[in-house]
Protein backbone atom coordinates (compact mmCIF):
# COMPACT_ATOMS: atom_id res chain seq x y z
CA MET A 1 70.61 105.60 67.37
CA ALA A 2 74.32 106.90 67.74
CA ASP A 3 77.11 104.26 67.66
CA PRO A 4 78.74 103.95 70.99
CA SER A 5 81.95 102.61 69.31
CA HIS A 6 82.65 106.04 67.96
CA ILE A 7 83.14 107.34 71.45
CA GLN A 8 85.60 104.55 72.09
CA SER A 9 87.50 104.95 69.04
CA ALA A 10 90.52 107.04 70.55
CA ALA A 11 90.64 104.65 73.73
CA SER A 12 93.97 103.24 72.40
CA LYS A 13 95.90 106.31 72.16
CA SER A 14 99.22 106.66 74.03
CA ILE A 15 98.93 107.82 77.52
CA ARG A 16 99.70 111.48 78.35
CA PRO A 17 99.87 112.06 82.20
CA PHE A 18 98.26 115.33 83.45
CA ARG A 19 100.63 118.07 84.59
CA SER A 20 98.43 120.33 86.33
CA SER A 21 95.41 120.40 88.60
CA GLU A 22 93.22 121.79 85.97
CA GLU A 23 94.11 119.47 83.08
CA TYR A 24 91.44 116.88 84.06
CA LEU A 25 89.11 119.46 82.30
CA GLU A 26 90.73 118.53 79.14
CA ALA A 27 89.82 114.87 79.52
CA MET A 28 86.14 115.87 80.22
CA LYS A 29 86.09 118.25 77.26
CA GLU A 30 87.41 115.61 74.97
CA ASP A 31 84.80 113.08 76.11
CA LEU A 32 81.85 115.54 75.85
CA ALA A 33 83.04 116.74 72.35
CA GLU A 34 83.16 113.34 70.89
CA TRP A 35 79.86 112.51 72.68
CA PHE A 36 78.12 115.63 71.00
CA ASN A 37 79.74 114.79 67.68
CA THR A 38 78.41 111.22 67.75
CA LEU A 39 74.80 112.30 68.80
CA TYR A 40 74.53 115.15 66.33
CA ASP A 41 77.11 114.47 63.48
CA LEU A 42 78.89 117.72 64.47
CA ASP A 43 82.62 118.54 64.31
CA ILE A 44 83.31 119.95 67.62
CA GLN A 45 86.98 119.92 68.43
CA VAL A 46 88.36 120.00 72.13
CA ASP A 47 90.45 123.28 71.45
CA THR A 48 87.26 125.11 70.55
CA PHE A 49 84.80 123.31 72.77
CA LEU A 50 83.27 126.33 74.46
CA GLU A 51 83.33 128.53 71.34
CA SER A 52 81.38 125.74 69.56
CA LEU A 53 78.56 125.84 72.16
CA GLU A 54 78.62 129.51 73.35
CA THR A 55 75.64 130.59 71.06
CA GLY A 56 73.52 128.12 73.02
CA CYS A 57 72.00 126.56 69.99
CA HIS A 58 73.45 123.06 70.35
CA LEU A 59 72.64 123.16 74.10
CA CYS A 60 68.99 124.00 73.66
CA ARG A 61 68.66 121.46 70.77
CA HIS A 62 70.11 118.82 73.08
CA ALA A 63 67.70 119.90 75.95
CA ASN A 64 64.75 119.43 73.76
CA ASN A 65 66.19 115.99 72.64
CA VAL A 66 66.34 115.03 76.19
CA ASN A 67 62.85 115.95 76.58
CA ARG A 68 61.60 113.84 73.85
CA THR A 69 63.54 110.81 75.02
CA ALA A 70 62.48 111.21 78.59
CA LEU A 71 58.61 111.41 77.49
CA ASP A 72 59.15 108.39 75.27
CA PHE A 73 60.80 106.59 78.35
CA GLN A 74 57.82 107.58 80.49
CA GLU A 75 55.39 106.05 77.93
CA ARG A 76 57.22 102.78 77.75
CA HIS A 77 58.17 102.48 81.46
CA PRO A 78 55.50 104.55 83.43
CA GLU A 79 56.47 102.92 86.79
CA ALA A 80 60.08 103.58 86.54
CA ALA A 81 59.43 107.06 85.37
CA ALA A 82 57.27 107.71 88.22
CA ARG A 83 60.33 107.61 90.49
CA MET A 84 62.34 109.85 88.20
CA ARG A 85 62.39 113.57 87.44
CA VAL A 86 60.95 113.69 83.97
CA PRO A 87 61.73 116.93 82.00
CA GLN A 88 59.03 118.23 79.78
CA ASN A 89 59.13 121.90 79.10
CA GLU A 90 60.33 122.71 75.61
CA VAL A 91 63.35 125.04 75.41
CA VAL A 92 62.65 127.95 73.17
CA PHE A 93 65.72 129.28 71.28
CA GLN A 94 66.88 130.96 68.06
CA ALA A 95 69.06 128.94 65.84
CA LYS A 96 69.83 131.06 62.76
CA ASN A 97 72.26 133.60 62.49
CA VAL A 98 73.20 133.83 66.14
CA VAL A 99 76.30 135.87 66.82
CA PRO A 100 78.39 134.65 69.55
CA GLY A 101 78.21 137.06 72.58
CA SER A 102 75.08 138.67 71.39
CA PHE A 103 71.98 139.16 73.34
CA ILE A 104 70.20 136.31 71.43
CA ALA A 105 73.16 134.00 72.20
CA ARG A 106 72.82 134.81 75.87
CA ASP A 107 69.15 134.31 75.84
CA ASN A 108 69.82 130.92 74.33
CA VAL A 109 72.20 129.86 77.02
CA SER A 110 70.05 131.48 79.78
CA ASN A 111 67.01 129.31 78.45
CA PHE A 112 69.15 126.21 78.77
CA ILE A 113 70.36 127.16 82.30
CA GLN A 114 66.68 127.55 83.34
CA TRP A 115 65.85 124.11 81.98
CA CYS A 116 68.73 122.54 83.71
CA ARG A 117 67.51 124.24 87.15
CA GLN A 118 63.93 123.71 86.78
CA ASP A 119 63.31 120.61 84.66
CA LEU A 120 66.33 118.52 85.60
CA GLY A 121 66.81 119.96 89.12
CA ILE A 122 70.52 120.13 88.92
CA GLN A 123 72.00 121.24 92.08
CA ASP A 124 73.77 124.64 92.31
CA VAL A 125 77.17 123.16 92.98
CA LEU A 126 77.03 121.68 89.39
CA MET A 127 75.38 124.75 87.73
CA PHE A 128 76.96 127.67 85.76
CA GLU A 129 75.95 131.15 84.68
CA THR A 130 75.59 132.67 81.32
CA ASN A 131 78.90 134.58 81.60
CA ASP A 132 80.69 131.33 82.78
CA LEU A 133 80.23 130.17 79.12
CA VAL A 134 80.03 133.29 77.06
CA LEU A 135 82.94 135.16 78.76
CA ARG A 136 84.82 131.98 80.01
CA LYS A 137 84.28 132.99 83.56
CA ASN A 138 84.00 129.40 84.91
CA GLU A 139 84.91 126.73 82.40
CA LYS A 140 84.85 124.12 85.07
CA ASN A 141 81.33 124.49 86.22
CA PHE A 142 80.19 124.64 82.60
CA VAL A 143 81.90 121.21 81.82
CA LEU A 144 80.52 119.62 85.11
CA CYS A 145 76.90 120.86 84.33
CA LEU A 146 77.17 119.30 80.86
CA LEU A 147 78.41 116.20 82.17
CA GLU A 148 75.51 116.11 84.74
CA VAL A 149 72.99 116.72 81.87
CA ALA A 150 74.50 113.68 80.04
CA ARG A 151 74.22 111.62 83.14
CA ARG A 152 70.55 112.53 83.56
CA GLY A 153 69.79 111.79 79.82
CA SER A 154 71.60 108.40 80.12
CA LYS A 155 68.87 107.42 82.71
CA PHE A 156 66.36 107.68 79.89
CA GLY A 157 68.43 105.58 77.49
CA MET A 158 70.35 108.35 75.72
CA LEU A 159 73.99 107.50 74.66
CA ALA A 160 76.20 108.46 77.37
CA PRO A 161 79.78 109.92 77.21
CA MET A 162 82.47 107.38 78.15
CA LEU A 163 82.96 108.72 81.52
CA ILE A 164 79.33 108.09 82.38
CA GLN A 165 79.43 104.62 80.98
CA MET A 166 82.48 104.01 83.14
CA GLU A 167 80.54 105.20 86.20
CA GLU A 168 77.75 102.81 85.38
CA GLU A 169 80.13 100.03 84.96
CA ILE A 170 81.88 100.77 88.24
CA GLU A 171 78.55 101.07 90.15
CA GLU A 172 77.22 97.69 88.59
CA GLU A 173 80.53 96.15 89.74
CA MET A 174 80.35 97.34 93.23
CA ARG A 175 76.60 96.24 93.39
CA ASP A 176 77.57 92.83 92.16
CA GLN A 177 80.45 92.33 94.81
CA MET A 178 78.23 93.53 97.51
CA ALA A 179 75.61 91.06 96.71
CA GLU A 180 78.05 88.29 96.39
CA GLY A 181 80.44 89.21 99.07
CA ALA A 182 83.21 88.66 96.66
CA PRO A 183 86.90 89.16 97.41
CA GLY A 184 88.11 92.58 96.51
CA ALA A 185 84.56 94.16 97.40
CA PRO A 186 84.78 97.64 98.95
CA GLY A 187 86.31 97.21 102.49
CA SER A 188 88.63 94.33 101.24
CA SER A 189 92.24 94.97 100.39
CA ARG A 190 93.33 91.33 99.55
CA PRO A 191 94.75 91.22 95.92
CA THR A 192 92.86 88.79 93.82
CA ASP A 193 94.32 89.30 90.48
CA PRO A 194 97.90 88.11 90.03
CA SER A 195 98.60 90.07 86.85
CA PRO A 196 100.75 93.08 86.98
CA VAL A 197 99.79 96.86 87.20
CA CYS A 198 98.74 98.02 83.76
CA PRO A 199 101.50 99.95 81.75
CA GLN A 200 99.66 103.27 81.89
CA VAL A 201 99.51 103.12 85.82
CA ARG A 202 103.03 101.93 85.92
CA GLU A 203 104.32 104.80 83.65
CA ILE A 204 102.67 107.31 86.08
CA LEU A 205 104.00 105.70 89.13
CA GLY A 206 107.42 105.59 87.64
CA CYS A 207 107.69 109.25 87.57
CA CYS A 208 108.68 109.07 91.27
CA SER A 209 112.32 107.91 91.90
CA CYS A 210 112.27 107.75 95.57
CA PRO A 211 113.53 104.62 97.23
CA SER A 212 110.25 104.08 99.00
CA GLN A 213 107.60 104.73 96.53
CA PHE A 214 103.99 105.48 97.49
CA PRO A 215 102.32 102.03 97.41
CA MET A 216 99.71 101.43 94.75
CA VAL A 217 98.81 97.60 94.62
CA LYS A 218 96.46 96.04 91.93
CA VAL A 219 93.63 94.44 93.57
CA SER A 220 91.76 93.24 90.52
CA GLU A 221 91.22 94.76 86.83
CA GLY A 222 90.82 98.59 87.27
CA LYS A 223 90.86 98.51 91.04
CA TYR A 224 93.99 99.44 93.24
CA LYS A 225 94.83 99.68 96.90
CA VAL A 226 96.59 102.81 97.68
CA GLY A 227 98.85 104.13 100.57
CA ASP A 228 99.23 102.32 103.73
CA SER A 229 95.47 102.20 104.43
CA ASN A 230 92.81 99.74 102.92
CA THR A 231 91.55 102.38 100.62
CA LEU A 232 90.46 101.12 97.15
CA ILE A 233 90.11 103.20 94.05
CA PHE A 234 88.65 102.62 90.73
CA VAL A 235 91.19 103.40 87.70
CA ARG A 236 89.92 103.60 84.13
CA VAL A 237 91.87 104.64 80.80
CA LEU A 238 90.04 107.28 78.89
CA ARG A 239 91.76 107.84 75.64
CA SER A 240 94.94 109.44 76.48
CA HIS A 241 94.21 109.87 80.14
CA VAL A 242 94.36 107.70 83.27
CA MET A 243 91.32 108.58 85.35
CA VAL A 244 90.47 107.86 88.94
CA ARG A 245 86.76 107.67 90.33
CA VAL A 246 86.80 110.02 93.32
CA GLY A 247 83.58 110.65 95.32
CA GLY A 248 81.03 111.84 92.99
CA GLY A 249 83.22 112.71 90.12
CA TRP A 250 86.60 111.99 88.46
CA ASP A 251 90.31 113.04 88.77
CA THR A 252 93.25 112.14 86.98
CA LEU A 253 95.87 109.54 88.41
CA GLU A 254 98.63 111.93 88.37
CA HIS A 255 96.64 114.71 90.20
CA TYR A 256 95.29 112.21 92.56
CA LEU A 257 98.90 111.16 93.41
CA ASP A 258 99.88 114.87 93.69
CA LYS A 259 97.37 115.17 96.49
CA HIS A 260 97.98 111.92 98.41
CA ASP A 261 101.45 110.72 97.57
CA PRO A 262 103.69 112.59 100.29
CA CYS A 263 106.74 112.81 97.97
CA ARG A 264 104.64 114.34 95.23
CA CYS A 265 102.85 116.62 97.51
CA ALA A 266 106.10 117.88 98.99
CA ALA A 267 107.44 118.61 95.46
CA LEU A 268 104.21 120.33 94.54
CA CYS A 269 104.25 122.34 97.72
CA GLU A 270 107.91 123.29 97.16
CA SER A 271 107.32 124.64 93.69
CA THR A 272 104.42 126.67 94.75
CA GLY A 273 105.94 127.97 98.06
CA THR A 274 103.46 126.13 100.42
CA LEU A 275 105.80 123.75 102.02
CA GLN A 276 104.05 124.03 105.36
CA ARG A 277 100.86 122.63 104.00
CA CYS A 278 102.28 119.25 102.76
CA PRO A 279 101.95 115.90 104.67
CA TRP A 280 105.19 114.55 103.57
CA SER A 281 106.78 111.39 104.94
CA PRO A 282 109.98 111.14 106.76
CA LYS A 283 111.00 108.49 104.12
CA CYS A 284 110.84 111.10 101.40
CA PRO A 285 114.32 112.59 100.62
CA MET A 286 112.58 115.78 99.54
CA ALA A 287 111.30 116.24 103.20
CA ARG A 288 114.78 116.21 104.74
CA ASP A 289 115.17 119.92 105.44
CA LEU A 290 111.61 121.01 105.55
CA PRO A 291 109.83 122.49 108.57
CA PRO A 292 107.63 120.39 110.70
CA ARG A 293 104.34 119.00 109.29
CA ALA A 294 101.43 121.46 109.71
CA ALA A 295 98.10 120.12 110.79
CA GLY A 296 94.58 121.20 109.86
CA PRO A 297 91.65 121.32 112.32
CA GLY A 298 91.66 118.30 114.49
CA GLY A 299 95.21 117.63 113.88
CA HIS A 300 94.77 116.34 110.44
CA SER A 301 96.78 117.19 107.43
CA SER A 302 95.32 119.76 105.04
CA CYS A 303 95.83 117.50 102.08
CA GLY A 304 93.25 114.95 102.84
CA SER A 305 93.30 111.21 102.76
CA PRO A 306 93.32 108.79 99.83
CA GLY A 307 89.94 107.88 98.44
CA GLY A 308 88.01 110.22 100.60
CA SER A 309 84.35 110.65 99.54
CA ARG A 310 84.61 114.39 99.21
CA PRO A 311 83.90 115.25 95.47
CA TRP A 312 86.93 116.77 93.66
CA TRP A 313 85.02 119.81 92.41
């Protein structure tokens, strides 16, 4: 059995805030790379994450490992397995002397994709195509698909990446709070934890020097109230990244604030030449000489609202 502590080994590294809308992929690749290394005693590096998997060998080997684990789970817990989708079809692949980009490599990747679709039933929005990996056409969808494969495997008792473990922890916390009606449960904005905002969150909030900063108040450990609404978000530290649970996935706190903090959004829109799309606040000094705020369908800002349920992908 793989040791989960290996996946947590880098959790105390210094915080490096994200600087672009795509860098959340780096956090996920780090998590998935360390997860693969722990499961199979590999040495996959985040900088060469896609290159390490492009022959499809490790992917197909993992698929068959999920199959074995799922069938074992079905034998031990038949009633629970009856309510789940249990993969069974072995993935045939070639593992020796596979050249990246070759027909054999593409065939391996294609067989893994077919298993994801047919055996796991992964929805199209989370799927990738062979060229997305082999030719780097769509790195995001490959990462999202692999994360979903890990999520499904965890249901059968396989070791999960830290992001999946955090998801399960948050879901359990929400269930407990709903059952107990505890203060700080979803829908409640009353702070219950007198301790200050954690240093990593405070560092990112401190990047804004406006007199009236976008409010982010700690309600309890790992849970914050944001903006002027009662919206609550869950925040977790993943190695060198501060992550926010958003809808069905994850975002970085810095990118989340770029989308919801009027000041940051104005700065981002100014740098990209799209000022008319930003829902800035009159309090923000950056909004002084900007044109009137544009509204989307129904009169709402195109940037969305904090904590919305729409998945970030």
